[in-house]
PDB file of N, CA and C in Angstrom:
ATOM      1  N   MET A   1      25.748  63.733 -69.971  1.00  0.00           N
ATOM      2  CA  MET A   1      25.907  64.206 -71.190  1.00  0.00           C
ATOM      3  C   MET A   1      25.178  65.292 -71.552  1.00  0.00           C
ATOM      4  N   PRO A   2      25.604  66.552 -72.039  1.00  0.00           N
ATOM      5  CA  PRO A   2      24.817  67.954 -72.321  1.00  0.00           C
ATOM      6  C   PRO A   2      23.885  67.512 -73.506  1.00  0.00           C
ATOM      7  N   ASP A   3      22.675  68.303 -73.123  1.00  0.00           N
ATOM      8  CA  ASP A   3      21.627  68.089 -74.263  1.00  0.00           C
ATOM      9  C   ASP A   3      22.282  68.736 -75.468  1.00  0.00           C
ATOM     10  N   ARG A   4      21.973  68.135 -76.704  1.00  0.00           N
ATOM     11  CA  ARG A   4      22.268  68.320 -77.912  1.00  0.00           C
ATOM     12  C   ARG A   4      21.795  69.947 -78.245  1.00  0.00           C
ATOM     13  N   MET A   5      20.504  69.952 -77.622  1.00  0.00           N
ATOM     14  CA  MET A   5      19.912  71.344 -78.281  1.00  0.00           C
ATOM     15  C   MET A   5      20.728  72.549 -77.708  1.00  0.00           C
ATOM     16  N   LEU A   6      21.486  72.417 -76.792  1.00  0.00           N
ATOM     17  CA  LEU A   6      22.178  73.298 -76.541  1.00  0.00           C
ATOM     18  C   LEU A   6      23.425  73.985 -77.422  1.00  0.00           C
ATOM     19  N   GLU A   7      23.517  73.072 -78.394  1.00  0.00           N
ATOM     20  CA  GLU A   7      24.533  73.442 -79.588  1.00  0.00           C
ATOM     21  C   GLU A   7      23.696  73.805 -80.744  1.00  0.00           C
ATOM     22  N   GLU A   8      22.648  74.027 -80.821  1.00  0.00           N
ATOM     23  CA  GLU A   8      21.819  74.287 -81.986  1.00  0.00           C
ATOM     24  C   GLU A   8      21.253  75.788 -81.850  1.00  0.00           C
ATOM     25  N   PRO A   9      20.928  76.534 -83.108  1.00  0.00           N
ATOM     26  CA  PRO A   9      20.659  77.785 -83.203  1.00  0.00           C
ATOM     27  C   PRO A   9      19.273  77.807 -83.096  1.00  0.00           C
ATOM     28  N   TRP A  10      18.463  78.672 -82.166  1.00  0.00           N
ATOM     29  CA  TRP A  10      17.076  78.618 -82.160  1.00  0.00           C
ATOM     30  C   TRP A  10      16.455  80.119 -82.184  1.00  0.00           C
ATOM     31  N   THR A  11      15.295  80.150 -82.435  1.00  0.00           N
ATOM     32  CA  THR A  11      14.748  81.582 -82.535  1.00  0.00           C
ATOM     33  C   THR A  11      13.165  81.658 -81.757  1.00  0.00           C
ATOM     34  N   LEU A  12      12.837  82.672 -81.578  1.00  0.00           N
ATOM     35  CA  LEU A  12      11.106  82.831 -81.251  1.00  0.00           C
ATOM     36  C   LEU A  12      10.486  82.622 -82.639  1.00  0.00           C
ATOM     37  N   SER A  13       9.587  82.004 -82.513  1.00  0.00           N
ATOM     38  CA  SER A  13       8.597  81.495 -83.778  1.00  0.00           C
ATOM     39  C   SER A  13       8.136  82.962 -84.176  1.00  0.00           C
ATOM     40  N   PRO A  14       7.947  83.261 -85.520  1.00  0.00           N
ATOM     41  CA  PRO A  14       7.407  84.623 -86.095  1.00  0.00           C
ATOM     42  C   PRO A  14       5.903  84.796 -85.736  1.00  0.00           C
ATOM     43  N   SER A  15       5.437  83.704 -85.219  1.00  0.00           N
ATOM     44  CA  SER A  15       4.019  83.883 -85.010  1.00  0.00           C
ATOM     45  C   SER A  15       3.785  84.173 -83.710  1.00  0.00           C
ATOM     46  N   VAL A  16       4.724  84.450 -82.808  1.00  0.00           N
ATOM     47  CA  VAL A  16       4.702  84.392 -81.252  1.00  0.00           C
ATOM     48  C   VAL A  16       4.984  85.857 -80.833  1.00  0.00           C
ATOM     49  N   ALA A  17       4.040  86.331 -79.836  1.00  0.00           N
ATOM     50  CA  ALA A  17       4.388  87.528 -79.315  1.00  0.00           C
ATOM     51  C   ALA A  17       4.482  87.370 -77.624  1.00  0.00           C
ATOM     52  N   LEU A  18       5.422  88.079 -77.318  1.00  0.00           N
ATOM     53  CA  LEU A  18       5.777  87.984 -75.776  1.00  0.00           C
ATOM     54  C   LEU A  18       5.268  89.058 -75.015  1.00  0.00           C
ATOM     55  N   ARG A  19       4.369  89.078 -74.178  1.00  0.00           N
ATOM     56  CA  ARG A  19       3.756  90.158 -73.260  1.00  0.00           C
ATOM     57  C   ARG A  19       4.294  90.190 -71.894  1.00  0.00           C
ATOM     58  N   PRO A  20       5.299  90.915 -71.614  1.00  0.00           N
ATOM     59  CA  PRO A  20       5.900  91.101 -70.038  1.00  0.00           C
ATOM     60  C   PRO A  20       4.758  90.980 -69.143  1.00  0.00           C
ATOM     61  N   GLU A  21       5.080  90.518 -68.060  1.00  0.00           N
ATOM     62  CA  GLU A  21       4.062  90.204 -66.846  1.00  0.00           C
ATOM     63  C   GLU A  21       5.220  90.399 -65.605  1.00  0.00           C
ATOM     64  N   PRO A  22       4.691  90.763 -64.479  1.00  0.00           N
ATOM     65  CA  PRO A  22       5.519  90.809 -63.244  1.00  0.00           C
ATOM     66  C   PRO A  22       6.300  89.333 -63.167  1.00  0.00           C
ATOM     67  N   PHE A  23       5.647  88.233 -63.383  1.00  0.00           N
ATOM     68  CA  PHE A  23       6.191  87.029 -63.236  1.00  0.00           C
ATOM     69  C   PHE A  23       7.251  86.466 -64.160  1.00  0.00           C
ATOM     70  N   GLY A  24       7.282  87.123 -65.269  1.00  0.00           N
ATOM     71  CA  GLY A  24       7.924  86.926 -66.516  1.00  0.00           C
ATOM     72  C   GLY A  24       7.186  87.227 -67.832  1.00  0.00           C
ATOM     73  N   ALA A  25       6.531  86.327 -68.552  1.00  0.00           N
ATOM     74  CA  ALA A  25       5.815  86.803 -69.764  1.00  0.00           C
ATOM     75  C   ALA A  25       4.928  85.935 -70.142  1.00  0.00           C
ATOM     76  N   LEU A  26       3.903  86.507 -70.888  1.00  0.00           N
ATOM     77  CA  LEU A  26       2.864  85.375 -71.652  1.00  0.00           C
ATOM     78  C   LEU A  26       3.460  85.476 -73.038  1.00  0.00           C
ATOM     79  N   ALA A  27       3.360  84.126 -73.539  1.00  0.00           N
ATOM     80  CA  ALA A  27       3.740  83.974 -74.918  1.00  0.00           C
ATOM     81  C   ALA A  27       2.546  83.503 -75.425  1.00  0.00           C
ATOM     82  N   TYR A  28       2.182  84.025 -76.732  1.00  0.00           N
ATOM     83  CA  TYR A  28       0.943  83.772 -77.676  1.00  0.00           C
ATOM     84  C   TYR A  28       1.226  83.470 -78.860  1.00  0.00           C
ATOM     85  N   HIS A  29       0.949  82.293 -79.438  1.00  0.00           N
ATOM     86  CA  HIS A  29       1.023  81.780 -80.826  1.00  0.00           C
ATOM     87  C   HIS A  29      -0.180  82.081 -81.602  1.00  0.00           C
ATOM     88  N   PHE A  30      -0.271  83.013 -82.485  1.00  0.00           N
ATOM     89  CA  PHE A  30      -1.079  83.464 -83.323  1.00  0.00           C
ATOM     90  C   PHE A  30      -1.784  82.318 -84.476  1.00  0.00           C
ATOM     91  N   GLY A  31      -0.502  81.546 -84.451  1.00  0.00           N
ATOM     92  CA  GLY A  31      -1.019  80.527 -85.498  1.00  0.00           C
ATOM     93  C   GLY A  31      -1.829  79.321 -84.656  1.00  0.00           C
ATOM     94  N   ASN A  32      -1.147  78.770 -83.989  1.00  0.00           N
ATOM     95  CA  ASN A  32      -2.185  77.556 -83.246  1.00  0.00           C
ATOM     96  C   ASN A  32      -2.733  78.039 -81.962  1.00  0.00           C
ATOM     97  N   ARG A  33      -2.796  79.359 -81.654  1.00  0.00           N
ATOM     98  CA  ARG A  33      -3.485  79.907 -80.724  1.00  0.00           C
ATOM     99  C   ARG A  33      -3.279  79.525 -79.176  1.00  0.00           C
ATOM    100  N   LYS A  34      -1.992  78.985 -78.885  1.00  0.00           N
ATOM    101  CA  LYS A  34      -1.667  78.443 -77.747  1.00  0.00           C
ATOM    102  C   LYS A  34      -1.132  79.639 -76.945  1.00  0.00           C
ATOM    103  N   LEU A  35      -1.436  79.636 -75.594  1.00  0.00           N
ATOM    104  CA  LEU A  35      -0.835  80.551 -74.799  1.00  0.00           C
ATOM    105  C   LEU A  35      -0.254  80.074 -73.822  1.00  0.00           C
ATOM    106  N   THR A  36       1.093  80.447 -73.490  1.00  0.00           N
ATOM    107  CA  THR A  36       2.124  79.633 -72.666  1.00  0.00           C
ATOM    108  C   THR A  36       2.620  80.913 -71.629  1.00  0.00           C
ATOM    109  N   PHE A  37       2.773  80.458 -70.138  1.00  0.00           N
ATOM    110  CA  PHE A  37       3.271  81.286 -69.097  1.00  0.00           C
ATOM    111  C   PHE A  37       4.617  81.046 -69.316  1.00  0.00           C
ATOM    112  N   LEU A  38       5.457  81.868 -69.451  1.00  0.00           N
ATOM    113  CA  LEU A  38       6.958  82.080 -69.065  1.00  0.00           C
ATOM    114  C   LEU A  38       7.190  82.354 -67.475  1.00  0.00           C
ATOM    115  N   LYS A  39       7.204  81.496 -66.581  1.00  0.00           N
ATOM    116  CA  LYS A  39       7.077  82.025 -65.303  1.00  0.00           C
ATOM    117  C   LYS A  39       8.347  82.592 -64.472  1.00  0.00           C
ATOM    118  N   ARG A  40       9.430  82.695 -65.423  1.00  0.00           N
ATOM    119  CA  ARG A  40      10.737  83.060 -64.676  1.00  0.00           C
ATOM    120  C   ARG A  40      11.464  84.286 -65.664  1.00  0.00           C
ATOM    121  N   PRO A  41      11.598  85.278 -65.061  1.00  0.00           N
ATOM    122  CA  PRO A  41      12.175  86.367 -66.135  1.00  0.00           C
ATOM    123  C   PRO A  41      13.609  86.001 -66.935  1.00  0.00           C
ATOM    124  N   GLU A  42      14.369  85.057 -65.995  1.00  0.00           N
ATOM    125  CA  GLU A  42      15.527  84.623 -66.907  1.00  0.00           C
ATOM    126  C   GLU A  42      15.280  83.810 -68.069  1.00  0.00           C
ATOM    127  N   LEU A  43      14.058  82.835 -67.938  1.00  0.00           N
ATOM    128  CA  LEU A  43      13.557  82.330 -69.184  1.00  0.00           C
ATOM    129  C   LEU A  43      13.336  83.245 -70.386  1.00  0.00           C
ATOM    130  N   VAL A  44      12.610  84.261 -69.976  1.00  0.00           N
ATOM    131  CA  VAL A  44      11.879  85.217 -71.020  1.00  0.00           C
ATOM    132  C   VAL A  44      13.563  85.838 -71.451  1.00  0.00           C
ATOM    133  N   GLU A  45      14.264  86.128 -70.854  1.00  0.00           N
ATOM    134  CA  GLU A  45      15.687  86.805 -71.250  1.00  0.00           C
ATOM    135  C   GLU A  45      16.195  85.771 -72.471  1.00  0.00           C
ATOM    136  N   VAL A  46      16.357  84.671 -71.966  1.00  0.00           N
ATOM    137  CA  VAL A  46      16.791  83.551 -72.950  1.00  0.00           C
ATOM    138  C   VAL A  46      16.138  83.621 -74.223  1.00  0.00           C
ATOM    139  N   VAL A  47      14.813  83.384 -74.114  1.00  0.00           N
ATOM    140  CA  VAL A  47      14.043  83.365 -75.371  1.00  0.00           C
ATOM    141  C   VAL A  47      14.339  84.782 -76.192  1.00  0.00           C
ATOM    142  N   ARG A  48      14.351  85.982 -75.614  1.00  0.00           N
ATOM    143  CA  ARG A  48      14.619  87.026 -76.243  1.00  0.00           C
ATOM    144  C   ARG A  48      16.083  86.917 -76.805  1.00  0.00           C
ATOM    145  N   LEU A  49      16.897  86.323 -76.205  1.00  0.00           N
ATOM    146  CA  LEU A  49      18.382  86.418 -76.991  1.00  0.00           C
ATOM    147  C   LEU A  49      18.876  85.363 -77.801  1.00  0.00           C
ATOM    148  N   LEU A  50      17.732  84.342 -77.999  1.00  0.00           N
ATOM    149  CA  LEU A  50      18.039  83.254 -78.852  1.00  0.00           C
ATOM    150  C   LEU A  50      18.400  83.777 -80.307  1.00  0.00           C
ATOM    151  N   GLU A  51      17.719  84.663 -80.933  1.00  0.00           N
ATOM    152  CA  GLU A  51      18.089  85.084 -82.237  1.00  0.00           C
ATOM    153  C   GLU A  51      19.346  85.764 -82.334  1.00  0.00           C
ATOM    154  N   HIS A  52      20.016  86.167 -81.379  1.00  0.00           N
ATOM    155  CA  HIS A  52      21.288  87.140 -81.527  1.00  0.00           C
ATOM    156  C   HIS A  52      22.536  86.238 -81.367  1.00  0.00           C
ATOM    157  N   HIS A  53      22.130  84.879 -81.007  1.00  0.00           N
ATOM    158  CA  HIS A  53      23.282  83.802 -80.620  1.00  0.00           C
ATOM    159  C   HIS A  53      23.413  82.655 -81.658  1.00  0.00           C
ATOM    160  N   PRO A  54      24.613  82.210 -81.774  1.00  0.00           N
ATOM    161  CA  PRO A  54      24.630  81.142 -82.752  1.00  0.00           C
ATOM    162  C   PRO A  54      24.220  79.761 -82.232  1.00  0.00           C
ATOM    163  N   ARG A  55      24.015  79.800 -81.071  1.00  0.00           N
ATOM    164  CA  ARG A  55      23.402  78.363 -80.270  1.00  0.00           C
ATOM    165  C   ARG A  55      22.884  78.781 -79.008  1.00  0.00           C
ATOM    166  N   LEU A  56      22.003  77.822 -78.606  1.00  0.00           N
ATOM    167  CA  LEU A  56      21.076  78.010 -77.402  1.00  0.00           C
ATOM    168  C   LEU A  56      22.144  78.403 -76.232  1.00  0.00           C
ATOM    169  N   GLY A  57      23.397  77.375 -75.993  1.00  0.00           N
ATOM    170  CA  GLY A  57      24.248  77.355 -75.022  1.00  0.00           C
ATOM    171  C   GLY A  57      24.731  78.974 -74.884  1.00  0.00           C
ATOM    172  N   SER A  58      24.991  79.603 -75.793  1.00  0.00           N
ATOM    173  CA  SER A  58      25.781  80.786 -75.880  1.00  0.00           C
ATOM    174  C   SER A  58      24.541  81.895 -75.409  1.00  0.00           C
ATOM    175  N   ALA A  59      23.212  81.617 -75.785  1.00  0.00           N
ATOM    176  CA  ALA A  59      22.164  82.518 -75.383  1.00  0.00           C
ATOM    177  C   ALA A  59      22.091  82.309 -73.689  1.00  0.00           C
ATOM    178  N   LEU A  60      22.296  81.346 -73.357  1.00  0.00           N
ATOM    179  CA  LEU A  60      22.209  80.991 -71.776  1.00  0.00           C
ATOM    180  C   LEU A  60      23.203  81.648 -71.169  1.00  0.00           C
ATOM    181  N   ASP A  61      24.522  81.445 -71.645  1.00  0.00           N
ATOM    182  CA  ASP A  61      25.647  82.206 -71.157  1.00  0.00           C
ATOM    183  C   ASP A  61      25.548  83.690 -70.968  1.00  0.00           C
ATOM    184  N   ALA A  62      24.915  84.143 -71.976  1.00  0.00           N
ATOM    185  CA  ALA A  62      24.545  85.624 -72.126  1.00  0.00           C
ATOM    186  C   ALA A  62      23.615  86.206 -71.278  1.00  0.00           C
ATOM    187  N   ALA A  63      22.680  85.390 -70.813  1.00  0.00           N
ATOM    188  CA  ALA A  63      21.715  85.601 -70.029  1.00  0.00           C
ATOM    189  C   ALA A  63      22.213  85.576 -68.410  1.00  0.00           C
ATOM    190  N   GLY A  64      23.254  85.004 -68.189  1.00  0.00           N
ATOM    191  CA  GLY A  64      23.967  84.762 -66.866  1.00  0.00           C
ATOM    192  C   GLY A  64      23.471  83.639 -66.394  1.00  0.00           C
ATOM    193  N   ILE A  65      22.889  82.575 -67.214  1.00  0.00           N
ATOM    194  CA  ILE A  65      22.353  81.169 -66.626  1.00  0.00           C
ATOM    195  C   ILE A  65      23.514  80.428 -66.394  1.00  0.00           C
ATOM    196  N   PRO A  66      23.894  79.931 -64.925  1.00  0.00           N
ATOM    197  CA  PRO A  66      25.079  78.969 -64.536  1.00  0.00           C
ATOM    198  C   PRO A  66      25.154  77.809 -65.508  1.00  0.00           C
ATOM    199  N   PRO A  67      26.168  77.345 -65.776  1.00  0.00           N
ATOM    200  CA  PRO A  67      26.435  75.992 -66.830  1.00  0.00           C
ATOM    201  C   PRO A  67      25.723  74.858 -66.073  1.00  0.00           C
ATOM    202  N   GLU A  68      25.653  74.703 -64.870  1.00  0.00           N
ATOM    203  CA  GLU A  68      24.905  73.645 -64.166  1.00  0.00           C
ATOM    204  C   GLU A  68      23.274  73.578 -64.343  1.00  0.00           C
ATOM    205  N   GLN A  69      22.901  74.772 -64.766  1.00  0.00           N
ATOM    206  CA  GLN A  69      21.429  74.801 -64.696  1.00  0.00           C
ATOM    207  C   GLN A  69      21.106  74.660 -66.441  1.00  0.00           C
ATOM    208  N   HIS A  70      21.981  74.635 -67.440  1.00  0.00           N
ATOM    209  CA  HIS A  70      21.824  74.669 -68.833  1.00  0.00           C
ATOM    210  C   HIS A  70      20.855  73.589 -69.191  1.00  0.00           C
ATOM    211  N   ASP A  71      21.172  72.334 -68.660  1.00  0.00           N
ATOM    212  CA  ASP A  71      20.437  71.365 -69.003  1.00  0.00           C
ATOM    213  C   ASP A  71      18.675  71.361 -68.884  1.00  0.00           C
ATOM    214  N   ALA A  72      18.513  72.029 -67.488  1.00  0.00           N
ATOM    215  CA  ALA A  72      17.318  72.174 -66.922  1.00  0.00           C
ATOM    216  C   ALA A  72      16.601  73.260 -67.924  1.00  0.00           C
ATOM    217  N   TYR A  73      17.180  74.398 -68.482  1.00  0.00           N
ATOM    218  CA  TYR A  73      16.749  75.331 -69.250  1.00  0.00           C
ATOM    219  C   TYR A  73      16.561  74.620 -70.644  1.00  0.00           C
ATOM    220  N   ALA A  74      17.523  73.882 -71.133  1.00  0.00           N
ATOM    221  CA  ALA A  74      17.091  73.187 -72.301  1.00  0.00           C
ATOM    222  C   ALA A  74      15.979  72.374 -72.356  1.00  0.00           C
ATOM    223  N   ALA A  75      15.707  71.777 -71.219  1.00  0.00           N
ATOM    224  CA  ALA A  75      14.261  71.010 -71.102  1.00  0.00           C
ATOM    225  C   ALA A  75      12.922  71.912 -71.050  1.00  0.00           C
ATOM    226  N   ALA A  76      13.338  73.121 -70.616  1.00  0.00           N
ATOM    227  CA  ALA A  76      12.051  74.102 -70.597  1.00  0.00           C
ATOM    228  C   ALA A  76      11.994  74.543 -71.952  1.00  0.00           C
ATOM    229  N   LEU A  77      13.045  74.794 -72.487  1.00  0.00           N
ATOM    230  CA  LEU A  77      12.812  75.371 -74.023  1.00  0.00           C
ATOM    231  C   LEU A  77      12.460  74.138 -74.942  1.00  0.00           C
ATOM    232  N   ARG A  78      12.928  73.086 -74.600  1.00  0.00           N
ATOM    233  CA  ARG A  78      12.145  72.067 -75.400  1.00  0.00           C
ATOM    234  C   ARG A  78      10.639  71.884 -75.539  1.00  0.00           C
ATOM    235  N   ALA A  79      10.314  72.236 -74.341  1.00  0.00           N
ATOM    236  CA  ALA A  79       8.635  72.131 -74.062  1.00  0.00           C
ATOM    237  C   ALA A  79       8.096  73.312 -74.947  1.00  0.00           C
ATOM    238  N   LEU A  80       8.741  74.393 -74.927  1.00  0.00           N
ATOM    239  CA  LEU A  80       8.433  75.681 -75.603  1.00  0.00           C
ATOM    240  C   LEU A  80       8.501  75.218 -77.393  1.00  0.00           C
ATOM    241  N   ALA A  81       9.499  74.347 -77.585  1.00  0.00           N
ATOM    242  CA  ALA A  81       9.634  74.079 -79.182  1.00  0.00           C
ATOM    243  C   ALA A  81       8.338  72.903 -79.601  1.00  0.00           C
ATOM    244  N   GLU A  82       8.148  72.226 -78.525  1.00  0.00           N
ATOM    245  CA  GLU A  82       7.017  71.418 -78.941  1.00  0.00           C
ATOM    246  C   GLU A  82       5.706  71.879 -79.222  1.00  0.00           C
ATOM    247  N   THR A  83       5.491  72.976 -79.088  1.00  0.00           N
ATOM    248  CA  THR A  83       4.220  74.102 -79.167  1.00  0.00           C
ATOM    249  C   THR A  83       4.498  75.172 -80.238  1.00  0.00           C
ATOM    250  N   ASP A  84       5.862  75.028 -80.915  1.00  0.00           N
ATOM    251  CA  ASP A  84       6.258  75.986 -82.019  1.00  0.00           C
ATOM    252  C   ASP A  84       6.416  77.288 -81.346  1.00  0.00           C
ATOM    253  N   MET A  85       6.555  77.556 -80.032  1.00  0.00           N
ATOM    254  CA  MET A  85       6.847  78.871 -79.385  1.00  0.00           C
ATOM    255  C   MET A  85       8.254  79.211 -79.881  1.00  0.00           C
ATOM    256  N   ILE A  86       9.233  78.375 -79.834  1.00  0.00           N
ATOM    257  CA  ILE A  86      10.537  78.688 -80.350  1.00  0.00           C
ATOM    258  C   ILE A  86      10.545  77.542 -81.419  1.00  0.00           C
ATOM    259  N   ARG A  87      11.681  77.768 -82.471  1.00  0.00           N
ATOM    260  CA  ARG A  87      11.893  76.733 -83.494  1.00  0.00           C
ATOM    261  C   ARG A  87      13.447  76.885 -83.926  1.00  0.00           C
ATOM    262  N   PRO A  88      14.002  75.959 -84.351  1.00  0.00           N
ATOM    263  CA  PRO A  88      15.215  75.709 -85.081  1.00  0.00           C
ATOM    264  C   PRO A  88      15.340  76.925 -85.912  1.00  0.00           C
ATOM    265  N   ARG A  89      16.343  77.643 -85.946  1.00  0.00           N
ATOM    266  CA  ARG A  89      16.656  78.792 -86.951  1.00  0.00           C
ATOM    267  C   ARG A  89      16.613  78.604 -88.097  1.00  0.00           C
ATOM    268  N   HIS A  90      16.942  77.354 -88.747  1.00  0.00           N
ATOM    269  CA  HIS A  90      16.748  77.194 -90.104  1.00  0.00           C
ATOM    270  C   HIS A  90      15.376  77.038 -90.438  1.00  0.00           C
ATOM    271  N   GLN A  91      14.645  76.631 -89.749  1.00  0.00           N
ATOM    272  CA  GLN A  91      12.948  76.377 -90.092  1.00  0.00           C
ATOM    273  C   GLN A  91      12.248  77.957 -90.306  1.00  0.00           C
ATOM    274  N   GLU A  92      12.918  79.071 -90.048  1.00  0.00           N
ATOM    275  CA  GLU A  92      12.311  80.150 -90.246  1.00  0.00           C
ATOM    276  C   GLU A  92      11.932  80.498 -91.379  1.00  0.00           C
ATOM    277  N   ALA A  93      12.569  80.152 -92.712  1.00  0.00           N
ATOM    278  CA  ALA A  93      12.174  80.495 -93.974  1.00  0.00           C
ATOM    279  C   ALA A  93      10.923  79.550 -94.545  1.00  0.00           C
ATOM    280  N   VAL A  94      10.679  78.605 -93.583  1.00  0.00           N
ATOM    281  CA  VAL A  94       9.443  77.578 -93.960  1.00  0.00           C
ATOM    282  C   VAL A  94       8.091  78.157 -93.968  1.00  0.00           C
TER     283      VAL A  94
END
């Protein structure tokens, strides 16, 4: 069963800055002061595309992530959501 997160709209939290690195990127949250290493350039691309797509699944498609890897990426993005690096798009106004 596909991860429900794939059907939801997500975005990078407004308090997060991405710094490009050779391995991918560093994500720093200025609110909670968490630093996260995004160790795959493909994951960085997905995070950057989130705000431009109506759902996570379409952002993954746009980044060229094969459908059989979508659940694995959803798990990685869920971990980012747990530390408020990304958030559901409807929470932006909060």
